[in-house]
Amino acid sequence: MIIALIIIAVLVVLAAFCIRSYNNFVKLRNRIEESLAQLDVTLKKRFDLIPNLVETVKGYAAHEKETLEGVINARNSGLNASTLEDKDLQSKNLTSALSHLFAVAENYPELKANENFMSLQNSLMKIEDEILMCRKYYNAVVKHFNTATETFPSNIIASIFHFTRQTYLSVEESEKQNIKVQF
């Protein structure tokens, strides 16, 4: 009788652990999906702002057609991206194109003084900060999820229910270089 109670107690503890681990993986997976959705919303805000910014610059820098087209093409590619990796790549391409656009804007003092341009630029900077925070949150949740999938004993539950390691959002090597500022 005592052995049966011990076996039942062990089975109850084991079942409780399995249920708790499974539910933890589901919560983490949902947080990953939530963070990706938030990143998508923030990227959409960024993509919606770009045409207004380009139109403002067009009025002052009409002959900078190549730079403006580069920004629009990068924006459109970002809107059409479907996978996480593609969205991340297109976001980086857009950041690069915007850097060129702001470099062009530096050559036009009347544009830099334009209230609409400054407002749009400030809005874009705010959105860029939001994107950074979304990426940080996503990577933090992925770290927690990946740790749970790789550590014992929760890795057993992860393998049984096919919870697999998720990928981090990362920075390209070219973006890690210091920006050279000259006066």
N, C-alpha and C. Protein backbone atom coordinates (compact mmCIF):
# COMPACT_ATOMS: atom_id res chain seq x y z
N MET A 1 0.81 -1.19 0.00
CA MET A 1 0.00 0.00 0.00
C MET A 1 0.86 1.27 0.00
N ILE A 2 1.91 1.30 0.82
CA ILE A 2 2.80 2.45 0.89
C ILE A 2 3.54 2.62 -0.43
N ILE A 3 3.95 1.53 -1.02
CA ILE A 3 4.65 1.60 -2.31
C ILE A 3 3.73 2.17 -3.38
N ALA A 4 2.47 1.77 -3.36
CA ALA A 4 1.50 2.29 -4.32
C ALA A 4 1.30 3.79 -4.13
N LEU A 5 1.25 4.25 -2.90
CA LEU A 5 1.11 5.69 -2.63
C LEU A 5 2.35 6.46 -3.08
N ILE A 6 3.52 5.87 -2.87
CA ILE A 6 4.77 6.52 -3.32
C ILE A 6 4.78 6.62 -4.84
N ILE A 7 4.40 5.54 -5.51
CA ILE A 7 4.36 5.54 -6.98
C ILE A 7 3.35 6.58 -7.49
N ILE A 8 2.19 6.63 -6.87
CA ILE A 8 1.17 7.61 -7.26
C ILE A 8 1.68 9.03 -7.03
N ALA A 9 2.34 9.27 -5.90
CA ALA A 9 2.90 10.60 -5.60
C ALA A 9 3.95 10.99 -6.62
N VAL A 10 4.82 10.06 -6.97
CA VAL A 10 5.86 10.34 -7.98
C VAL A 10 5.20 10.65 -9.33
N LEU A 11 4.19 9.87 -9.70
CA LEU A 11 3.49 10.11 -10.97
C LEU A 11 2.78 11.46 -10.98
N VAL A 12 2.19 11.83 -9.85
CA VAL A 12 1.52 13.13 -9.76
C VAL A 12 2.54 14.26 -9.90
N VAL A 13 3.69 14.14 -9.24
CA VAL A 13 4.74 15.17 -9.34
C VAL A 13 5.26 15.24 -10.77
N LEU A 14 5.48 14.10 -11.39
CA LEU A 14 5.96 14.05 -12.77
C LEU A 14 4.93 14.67 -13.72
N ALA A 15 3.66 14.34 -13.53
CA ALA A 15 2.61 14.91 -14.38
C ALA A 15 2.52 16.42 -14.19
N ALA A 16 2.63 16.86 -12.94
CA ALA A 16 2.59 18.30 -12.66
C ALA A 16 3.77 19.01 -13.34
N PHE A 17 4.95 18.41 -13.29
CA PHE A 17 6.12 18.99 -13.95
C PHE A 17 5.89 19.07 -15.45
N CYS A 18 5.38 18.00 -16.04
CA CYS A 18 5.14 17.99 -17.49
C CYS A 18 4.13 19.07 -17.89
N ILE A 19 3.06 19.18 -17.15
CA ILE A 19 2.04 20.19 -17.45
C ILE A 19 2.61 21.59 -17.30
N ARG A 20 3.34 21.82 -16.22
CA ARG A 20 3.95 23.14 -15.98
C ARG A 20 4.94 23.49 -17.09
N SER A 21 5.78 22.53 -17.47
CA SER A 21 6.77 22.78 -18.53
C SER A 21 6.09 23.06 -19.86
N TYR A 22 5.10 22.25 -20.21
CA TYR A 22 4.39 22.45 -21.47
C TYR A 22 3.74 23.83 -21.50
N ASN A 23 3.05 24.18 -20.42
CA ASN A 23 2.39 25.50 -20.35
C ASN A 23 3.40 26.63 -20.44
N ASN A 24 4.57 26.45 -19.85
CA ASN A 24 5.62 27.47 -19.94
C ASN A 24 6.08 27.65 -21.39
N PHE A 25 6.25 26.54 -22.11
CA PHE A 25 6.64 26.64 -23.52
C PHE A 25 5.56 27.34 -24.34
N VAL A 26 4.32 27.05 -24.08
CA VAL A 26 3.22 27.70 -24.80
C VAL A 26 3.22 29.20 -24.51
N LYS A 27 3.40 29.59 -23.25
CA LYS A 27 3.44 31.01 -22.89
C LYS A 27 4.60 31.71 -23.60
N LEU A 28 5.76 31.07 -23.60
CA LEU A 28 6.93 31.68 -24.25
C LEU A 28 6.72 31.78 -25.76
N ARG A 29 6.17 30.74 -26.36
CA ARG A 29 5.89 30.79 -27.80
C ARG A 29 4.93 31.92 -28.12
N ASN A 30 3.91 32.10 -27.27
CA ASN A 30 2.96 33.19 -27.49
C ASN A 30 3.61 34.55 -27.31
N ARG A 31 4.54 34.66 -26.37
CA ARG A 31 5.27 35.93 -26.21
C ARG A 31 6.13 36.22 -27.43
N ILE A 32 6.74 35.19 -28.01
CA ILE A 32 7.53 35.37 -29.22
C ILE A 32 6.62 35.88 -30.34
N GLU A 33 5.46 35.26 -30.50
CA GLU A 33 4.51 35.70 -31.53
C GLU A 33 4.03 37.12 -31.28
N GLU A 34 3.78 37.44 -30.00
CA GLU A 34 3.36 38.80 -29.65
C GLU A 34 4.46 39.81 -29.99
N SER A 35 5.70 39.48 -29.67
CA SER A 35 6.79 40.42 -29.94
C SER A 35 6.99 40.60 -31.43
N LEU A 36 6.81 39.55 -32.21
CA LEU A 36 6.91 39.68 -33.66
C LEU A 36 5.77 40.54 -34.21
N ALA A 37 4.59 40.36 -33.67
CA ALA A 37 3.45 41.18 -34.11
C ALA A 37 3.70 42.65 -33.78
N GLN A 38 4.24 42.92 -32.60
CA GLN A 38 4.55 44.30 -32.23
C GLN A 38 5.63 44.89 -33.14
N LEU A 39 6.62 44.08 -33.48
CA LEU A 39 7.65 44.54 -34.40
C LEU A 39 7.05 44.84 -35.76
N ASP A 40 6.13 43.99 -36.23
CA ASP A 40 5.46 44.23 -37.50
C ASP A 40 4.68 45.54 -37.49
N VAL A 41 3.97 45.80 -36.40
CA VAL A 41 3.19 47.05 -36.28
C VAL A 41 4.13 48.25 -36.33
N THR A 42 5.23 48.17 -35.63
CA THR A 42 6.19 49.28 -35.60
C THR A 42 6.84 49.48 -36.96
N LEU A 43 7.18 48.39 -37.63
CA LEU A 43 7.75 48.51 -38.98
C LEU A 43 6.73 49.11 -39.93
N LYS A 44 5.46 48.75 -39.78
CA LYS A 44 4.41 49.33 -40.63
C LYS A 44 4.31 50.84 -40.42
N LYS A 45 4.40 51.28 -39.16
CA LYS A 45 4.39 52.72 -38.88
C LYS A 45 5.55 53.38 -39.60
N ARG A 46 6.70 52.73 -39.57
CA ARG A 46 7.88 53.26 -40.25
C ARG A 46 7.64 53.33 -41.75
N PHE A 47 7.09 52.25 -42.33
CA PHE A 47 6.84 52.22 -43.76
C PHE A 47 5.82 53.26 -44.18
N ASP A 48 4.83 53.52 -43.32
CA ASP A 48 3.81 54.52 -43.63
C ASP A 48 4.38 55.94 -43.58
N LEU A 49 5.37 56.17 -42.77
CA LEU A 49 5.97 57.50 -42.62
C LEU A 49 6.90 57.84 -43.78
N ILE A 50 7.52 56.84 -44.37
CA ILE A 50 8.54 57.05 -45.40
C ILE A 50 8.03 57.88 -46.59
N PRO A 51 6.87 57.57 -47.18
CA PRO A 51 6.42 58.38 -48.33
C PRO A 51 6.28 59.86 -48.01
N ASN A 52 5.81 60.19 -46.82
CA ASN A 52 5.70 61.60 -46.42
C ASN A 52 7.08 62.25 -46.35
N LEU A 53 8.02 61.53 -45.80
CA LEU A 53 9.39 62.05 -45.69
C LEU A 53 9.99 62.26 -47.08
N VAL A 54 9.80 61.29 -47.96
CA VAL A 54 10.35 61.39 -49.32
C VAL A 54 9.71 62.55 -50.07
N GLU A 55 8.41 62.72 -49.95
CA GLU A 55 7.74 63.83 -50.65
C GLU A 55 8.25 65.18 -50.16
N THR A 56 8.52 65.29 -48.87
CA THR A 56 9.05 66.54 -48.33
C THR A 56 10.43 66.82 -48.90
N VAL A 57 11.26 65.80 -48.97
CA VAL A 57 12.63 65.98 -49.50
C VAL A 57 12.57 66.28 -50.99
N LYS A 58 11.64 65.66 -51.72
CA LYS A 58 11.53 65.87 -53.16
C LYS A 58 11.41 67.34 -53.52
N GLY A 59 10.66 68.07 -52.73
CA GLY A 59 10.47 69.49 -53.02
C GLY A 59 11.76 70.28 -52.98
N TYR A 60 12.71 69.85 -52.18
CA TYR A 60 13.97 70.59 -52.04
C TYR A 60 15.10 69.97 -52.84
N ALA A 61 15.06 68.67 -53.02
CA ALA A 61 16.20 67.97 -53.64
C ALA A 61 15.72 67.13 -54.81
N ALA A 62 15.07 67.77 -55.76
CA ALA A 62 14.47 67.05 -56.88
C ALA A 62 15.50 66.27 -57.69
N HIS A 63 16.72 66.75 -57.78
CA HIS A 63 17.72 66.06 -58.60
C HIS A 63 18.38 64.88 -57.87
N GLU A 64 17.98 64.60 -56.65
CA GLU A 64 18.50 63.46 -55.89
C GLU A 64 17.59 62.24 -56.11
N LYS A 65 17.19 62.05 -57.36
CA LYS A 65 16.21 61.03 -57.71
C LYS A 65 16.66 59.63 -57.29
N GLU A 66 17.91 59.31 -57.50
CA GLU A 66 18.42 57.97 -57.19
C GLU A 66 18.29 57.64 -55.70
N THR A 67 18.62 58.59 -54.86
CA THR A 67 18.51 58.38 -53.41
C THR A 67 17.06 58.19 -53.00
N LEU A 68 16.17 59.03 -53.54
CA LEU A 68 14.76 58.94 -53.20
C LEU A 68 14.16 57.62 -53.69
N GLU A 69 14.53 57.20 -54.89
CA GLU A 69 14.04 55.92 -55.40
C GLU A 69 14.56 54.76 -54.56
N GLY A 70 15.79 54.87 -54.10
CA GLY A 70 16.36 53.83 -53.24
C GLY A 70 15.58 53.66 -51.95
N VAL A 71 15.16 54.78 -51.37
CA VAL A 71 14.36 54.73 -50.14
C VAL A 71 13.00 54.09 -50.41
N ILE A 72 12.36 54.51 -51.49
CA ILE A 72 11.04 53.95 -51.83
C ILE A 72 11.14 52.47 -52.15
N ASN A 73 12.17 52.07 -52.90
CA ASN A 73 12.34 50.64 -53.23
C ASN A 73 12.59 49.82 -51.96
N ALA A 74 13.40 50.35 -51.06
CA ALA A 74 13.67 49.64 -49.80
C ALA A 74 12.39 49.53 -48.98
N ARG A 75 11.59 50.59 -48.96
CA ARG A 75 10.31 50.57 -48.23
C ARG A 75 9.39 49.52 -48.81
N ASN A 76 9.25 49.50 -50.14
CA ASN A 76 8.36 48.54 -50.79
C ASN A 76 8.82 47.10 -50.56
N SER A 77 10.11 46.88 -50.61
CA SER A 77 10.64 45.54 -50.33
C SER A 77 10.33 45.12 -48.90
N GLY A 78 10.41 46.05 -47.99
CA GLY A 78 10.10 45.77 -46.59
C GLY A 78 8.64 45.42 -46.39
N LEU A 79 7.77 46.12 -47.11
CA LEU A 79 6.33 45.83 -47.01
C LEU A 79 6.00 44.44 -47.54
N ASN A 80 6.76 43.99 -48.53
CA ASN A 80 6.48 42.70 -49.17
C ASN A 80 7.19 41.53 -48.50
N ALA A 81 8.03 41.79 -47.52
CA ALA A 81 8.76 40.71 -46.84
C ALA A 81 7.79 39.84 -46.06
N SER A 82 8.04 38.53 -46.09
CA SER A 82 7.10 37.63 -45.40
C SER A 82 7.74 36.87 -44.24
N THR A 83 8.99 36.48 -44.36
CA THR A 83 9.63 35.73 -43.27
C THR A 83 10.34 36.68 -42.31
N LEU A 84 10.59 36.21 -41.12
CA LEU A 84 11.30 37.02 -40.13
C LEU A 84 12.66 37.45 -40.65
N GLU A 85 13.39 36.54 -41.25
CA GLU A 85 14.72 36.85 -41.77
C GLU A 85 14.65 37.89 -42.87
N ASP A 86 13.67 37.76 -43.76
CA ASP A 86 13.51 38.71 -44.86
C ASP A 86 13.10 40.08 -44.34
N LYS A 87 12.18 40.11 -43.37
CA LYS A 87 11.77 41.38 -42.77
C LYS A 87 12.96 42.07 -42.13
N ASP A 88 13.77 41.30 -41.43
CA ASP A 88 14.94 41.86 -40.76
C ASP A 88 15.94 42.41 -41.79
N LEU A 89 16.17 41.66 -42.86
CA LEU A 89 17.08 42.11 -43.91
C LEU A 89 16.56 43.37 -44.58
N GLN A 90 15.28 43.39 -44.93
CA GLN A 90 14.71 44.56 -45.59
C GLN A 90 14.70 45.77 -44.67
N SER A 91 14.51 45.54 -43.39
CA SER A 91 14.56 46.64 -42.42
C SER A 91 15.96 47.25 -42.39
N LYS A 92 16.96 46.42 -42.45
CA LYS A 92 18.35 46.90 -42.47
C LYS A 92 18.62 47.67 -43.76
N ASN A 93 18.10 47.17 -44.89
CA ASN A 93 18.27 47.88 -46.16
C ASN A 93 17.60 49.25 -46.12
N LEU A 94 16.44 49.32 -45.50
CA LEU A 94 15.74 50.60 -45.39
C LEU A 94 16.52 51.56 -44.50
N THR A 95 17.07 51.06 -43.42
CA THR A 95 17.88 51.91 -42.54
C THR A 95 19.06 52.50 -43.32
N SER A 96 19.69 51.68 -44.14
CA SER A 96 20.81 52.16 -44.96
C SER A 96 20.35 53.23 -45.96
N ALA A 97 19.22 52.98 -46.61
CA ALA A 97 18.69 53.96 -47.58
C ALA A 97 18.33 55.27 -46.90
N LEU A 98 17.75 55.18 -45.70
CA LEU A 98 17.40 56.40 -44.96
C LEU A 98 18.65 57.17 -44.55
N SER A 99 19.71 56.47 -44.24
CA SER A 99 20.97 57.15 -43.89
C SER A 99 21.45 57.99 -45.07
N HIS A 100 21.33 57.43 -46.29
CA HIS A 100 21.71 58.19 -47.48
C HIS A 100 20.79 59.40 -47.67
N LEU A 101 19.50 59.21 -47.41
CA LEU A 101 18.54 60.30 -47.55
C LEU A 101 18.88 61.44 -46.59
N PHE A 102 19.20 61.11 -45.34
CA PHE A 102 19.53 62.15 -44.38
C PHE A 102 20.87 62.81 -44.70
N ALA A 103 21.77 62.07 -45.32
CA ALA A 103 23.03 62.67 -45.76
C ALA A 103 22.75 63.70 -46.86
N VAL A 104 21.84 63.38 -47.77
CA VAL A 104 21.44 64.32 -48.83
C VAL A 104 20.80 65.56 -48.20
N ALA A 105 19.95 65.33 -47.21
CA ALA A 105 19.24 66.44 -46.56
C ALA A 105 20.23 67.41 -45.90
N GLU A 106 21.36 66.91 -45.45
CA GLU A 106 22.37 67.78 -44.83
C GLU A 106 22.88 68.84 -45.80
N ASN A 107 22.79 68.57 -47.10
CA ASN A 107 23.29 69.50 -48.12
C ASN A 107 22.29 70.60 -48.46
N TYR A 108 21.12 70.58 -47.84
CA TYR A 108 20.09 71.54 -48.15
C TYR A 108 19.66 72.25 -46.86
N PRO A 109 20.30 73.39 -46.56
CA PRO A 109 19.99 74.09 -45.31
C PRO A 109 18.51 74.46 -45.19
N GLU A 110 17.88 74.84 -46.30
CA GLU A 110 16.47 75.21 -46.22
C GLU A 110 15.59 73.99 -45.91
N LEU A 111 16.03 72.79 -46.34
CA LEU A 111 15.30 71.57 -46.00
C LEU A 111 15.47 71.24 -44.52
N LYS A 112 16.69 71.37 -44.03
CA LYS A 112 16.94 71.08 -42.61
C LYS A 112 16.13 72.00 -41.71
N ALA A 113 15.83 73.20 -42.21
CA ALA A 113 15.07 74.16 -41.40
C ALA A 113 13.56 73.97 -41.58
N ASN A 114 13.15 73.15 -42.53
CA ASN A 114 11.74 72.96 -42.81
C ASN A 114 11.07 72.22 -41.65
N GLU A 115 9.98 72.80 -41.17
CA GLU A 115 9.28 72.26 -40.01
C GLU A 115 8.72 70.86 -40.27
N ASN A 116 8.15 70.65 -41.47
CA ASN A 116 7.61 69.33 -41.80
C ASN A 116 8.72 68.27 -41.81
N PHE A 117 9.84 68.61 -42.42
CA PHE A 117 10.94 67.66 -42.49
C PHE A 117 11.44 67.32 -41.09
N MET A 118 11.60 68.31 -40.26
CA MET A 118 12.10 68.07 -38.90
C MET A 118 11.11 67.21 -38.11
N SER A 119 9.83 67.49 -38.28
CA SER A 119 8.81 66.70 -37.59
C SER A 119 8.84 65.24 -38.05
N LEU A 120 8.91 65.05 -39.37
CA LEU A 120 8.98 63.70 -39.91
C LEU A 120 10.25 62.97 -39.46
N GLN A 121 11.35 63.69 -39.47
CA GLN A 121 12.62 63.09 -39.04
C GLN A 121 12.55 62.70 -37.56
N ASN A 122 11.97 63.54 -36.73
CA ASN A 122 11.83 63.21 -35.31
C ASN A 122 10.89 62.02 -35.10
N SER A 123 9.81 61.97 -35.88
CA SER A 123 8.90 60.83 -35.79
C SER A 123 9.61 59.54 -36.19
N LEU A 124 10.41 59.63 -37.23
CA LEU A 124 11.15 58.46 -37.68
C LEU A 124 12.16 58.01 -36.63
N MET A 125 12.82 58.96 -36.01
CA MET A 125 13.79 58.60 -34.96
C MET A 125 13.08 57.91 -33.80
N LYS A 126 11.89 58.40 -33.46
CA LYS A 126 11.12 57.77 -32.39
C LYS A 126 10.73 56.34 -32.77
N ILE A 127 10.30 56.16 -34.00
CA ILE A 127 9.93 54.82 -34.47
C ILE A 127 11.16 53.90 -34.49
N GLU A 128 12.31 54.44 -34.89
CA GLU A 128 13.54 53.63 -34.88
C GLU A 128 13.84 53.14 -33.47
N ASP A 129 13.62 54.00 -32.48
CA ASP A 129 13.82 53.60 -31.08
C ASP A 129 12.82 52.50 -30.69
N GLU A 130 11.58 52.63 -31.15
CA GLU A 130 10.57 51.61 -30.87
C GLU A 130 10.96 50.28 -31.50
N ILE A 131 11.48 50.33 -32.72
CA ILE A 131 11.93 49.11 -33.40
C ILE A 131 13.05 48.45 -32.60
N LEU A 132 13.98 49.25 -32.12
CA LEU A 132 15.08 48.73 -31.31
C LEU A 132 14.54 48.04 -30.05
N MET A 133 13.57 48.67 -29.40
CA MET A 133 13.00 48.07 -28.19
C MET A 133 12.25 46.77 -28.52
N CYS A 134 11.54 46.75 -29.64
CA CYS A 134 10.84 45.53 -30.05
C CYS A 134 11.84 44.40 -30.31
N ARG A 135 12.94 44.73 -30.96
CA ARG A 135 13.97 43.71 -31.21
C ARG A 135 14.58 43.20 -29.91
N LYS A 136 14.83 44.10 -28.98
CA LYS A 136 15.38 43.69 -27.68
C LYS A 136 14.42 42.77 -26.95
N TYR A 137 13.13 43.13 -26.95
CA TYR A 137 12.13 42.31 -26.28
C TYR A 137 12.04 40.94 -26.93
N TYR A 138 11.99 40.92 -28.26
CA TYR A 138 11.93 39.64 -28.98
C TYR A 138 13.13 38.77 -28.62
N ASN A 139 14.33 39.33 -28.67
CA ASN A 139 15.53 38.56 -28.37
C ASN A 139 15.54 38.07 -26.92
N ALA A 140 15.02 38.86 -26.00
CA ALA A 140 14.96 38.44 -24.59
C ALA A 140 14.02 37.25 -24.43
N VAL A 141 12.87 37.29 -25.09
CA VAL A 141 11.92 36.18 -24.99
C VAL A 141 12.50 34.94 -25.67
N VAL A 142 13.15 35.12 -26.81
CA VAL A 142 13.77 33.99 -27.51
C VAL A 142 14.87 33.37 -26.63
N LYS A 143 15.63 34.21 -25.95
CA LYS A 143 16.67 33.68 -25.05
C LYS A 143 16.06 32.80 -23.97
N HIS A 144 14.99 33.28 -23.38
CA HIS A 144 14.30 32.51 -22.33
C HIS A 144 13.75 31.20 -22.90
N PHE A 145 13.13 31.27 -24.06
CA PHE A 145 12.58 30.09 -24.72
C PHE A 145 13.69 29.09 -25.05
N ASN A 146 14.77 29.57 -25.68
CA ASN A 146 15.86 28.68 -26.07
C ASN A 146 16.53 28.04 -24.86
N THR A 147 16.66 28.79 -23.79
CA THR A 147 17.24 28.24 -22.56
C THR A 147 16.37 27.10 -22.05
N ALA A 148 15.06 27.30 -22.08
CA ALA A 148 14.14 26.26 -21.62
C ALA A 148 14.19 25.02 -22.52
N THR A 149 14.38 25.23 -23.83
CA THR A 149 14.42 24.08 -24.73
C THR A 149 15.72 23.29 -24.63
N GLU A 150 16.75 23.90 -24.06
CA GLU A 150 18.06 23.26 -24.03
C GLU A 150 18.51 22.79 -22.65
N THR A 151 17.79 23.15 -21.61
CA THR A 151 18.22 22.77 -20.26
C THR A 151 17.40 21.59 -19.75
N PHE A 152 18.06 20.78 -18.98
CA PHE A 152 17.42 19.60 -18.39
C PHE A 152 16.64 20.01 -17.16
N PRO A 153 15.51 19.48 -16.92
CA PRO A 153 14.75 18.44 -17.60
C PRO A 153 13.71 18.96 -18.60
N SER A 154 13.57 20.30 -18.72
CA SER A 154 12.54 20.83 -19.62
C SER A 154 12.82 20.50 -21.08
N ASN A 155 14.10 20.21 -21.41
CA ASN A 155 14.41 19.86 -22.80
C ASN A 155 13.72 18.55 -23.22
N ILE A 156 13.41 17.70 -22.26
CA ILE A 156 12.68 16.47 -22.57
C ILE A 156 11.27 16.81 -23.05
N ILE A 157 10.61 17.70 -22.33
CA ILE A 157 9.25 18.13 -22.72
C ILE A 157 9.31 18.85 -24.07
N ALA A 158 10.33 19.68 -24.26
CA ALA A 158 10.48 20.41 -25.53
C ALA A 158 10.61 19.43 -26.70
N SER A 159 11.40 18.40 -26.53
CA SER A 159 11.57 17.46 -27.64
C SER A 159 10.31 16.63 -27.87
N ILE A 160 9.62 16.25 -26.81
CA ILE A 160 8.38 15.47 -26.96
C ILE A 160 7.34 16.27 -27.74
N PHE A 161 7.20 17.54 -27.43
CA PHE A 161 6.16 18.37 -28.06
C PHE A 161 6.69 19.23 -29.21
N HIS A 162 7.91 18.95 -29.64
CA HIS A 162 8.51 19.60 -30.82
C HIS A 162 8.64 21.11 -30.68
N PHE A 163 9.00 21.58 -29.50
CA PHE A 163 9.35 22.99 -29.33
C PHE A 163 10.83 23.09 -29.70
N THR A 164 11.12 23.88 -30.72
CA THR A 164 12.50 23.97 -31.21
C THR A 164 13.06 25.36 -31.00
N ARG A 165 14.36 25.41 -31.02
CA ARG A 165 15.11 26.65 -30.83
C ARG A 165 14.66 27.70 -31.84
N GLN A 166 14.53 28.94 -31.39
CA GLN A 166 14.15 30.07 -32.25
C GLN A 166 15.39 30.90 -32.59
N THR A 167 15.31 31.66 -33.67
CA THR A 167 16.45 32.48 -34.08
C THR A 167 16.34 33.88 -33.51
N TYR A 168 17.49 34.46 -33.24
CA TYR A 168 17.58 35.83 -32.75
C TYR A 168 17.60 36.80 -33.92
N LEU A 169 17.18 38.03 -33.67
CA LEU A 169 17.39 39.11 -34.62
C LEU A 169 18.78 39.65 -34.35
N SER A 170 19.57 39.80 -35.39
CA SER A 170 20.95 40.21 -35.18
C SER A 170 21.29 41.43 -36.03
N VAL A 171 22.47 41.94 -35.82
CA VAL A 171 22.96 43.12 -36.54
C VAL A 171 24.02 42.65 -37.53
N GLU A 172 23.96 43.17 -38.74
CA GLU A 172 24.96 42.86 -39.75
C GLU A 172 26.32 43.41 -39.34
N GLU A 173 27.37 42.76 -39.80
CA GLU A 173 28.73 43.21 -39.47
C GLU A 173 28.96 44.65 -39.91
N SER A 174 28.42 45.03 -41.08
CA SER A 174 28.63 46.39 -41.59
C SER A 174 28.00 47.44 -40.68
N GLU A 175 26.93 47.07 -39.96
CA GLU A 175 26.26 48.01 -39.07
C GLU A 175 27.01 48.17 -37.75
N LYS A 176 27.95 47.27 -37.47
CA LYS A 176 28.70 47.33 -36.22
C LYS A 176 29.88 48.30 -36.30
N GLN A 177 30.21 48.73 -37.51
CA GLN A 177 31.34 49.63 -37.71
C GLN A 177 31.03 51.01 -37.15
N ASN A 178 32.03 51.67 -36.63
CA ASN A 178 31.86 53.04 -36.15
C ASN A 178 31.59 53.96 -37.32
N ILE A 179 30.72 54.91 -37.11
CA ILE A 179 30.44 55.92 -38.13
C ILE A 179 31.51 56.98 -38.03
N LYS A 180 32.11 57.30 -39.16
CA LYS A 180 33.19 58.30 -39.17
C LYS A 180 32.57 59.68 -39.36
N VAL A 181 32.79 60.56 -38.40
CA VAL A 181 32.27 61.91 -38.47
C VAL A 181 33.45 62.85 -38.74
N GLN A 182 33.30 63.68 -39.79
CA GLN A 182 34.36 64.64 -40.12
C GLN A 182 33.80 66.04 -40.16
N PHE A 183 34.61 66.99 -39.70
CA PHE A 183 34.20 68.40 -39.76
C PHE A 183 35.15 69.15 -40.65
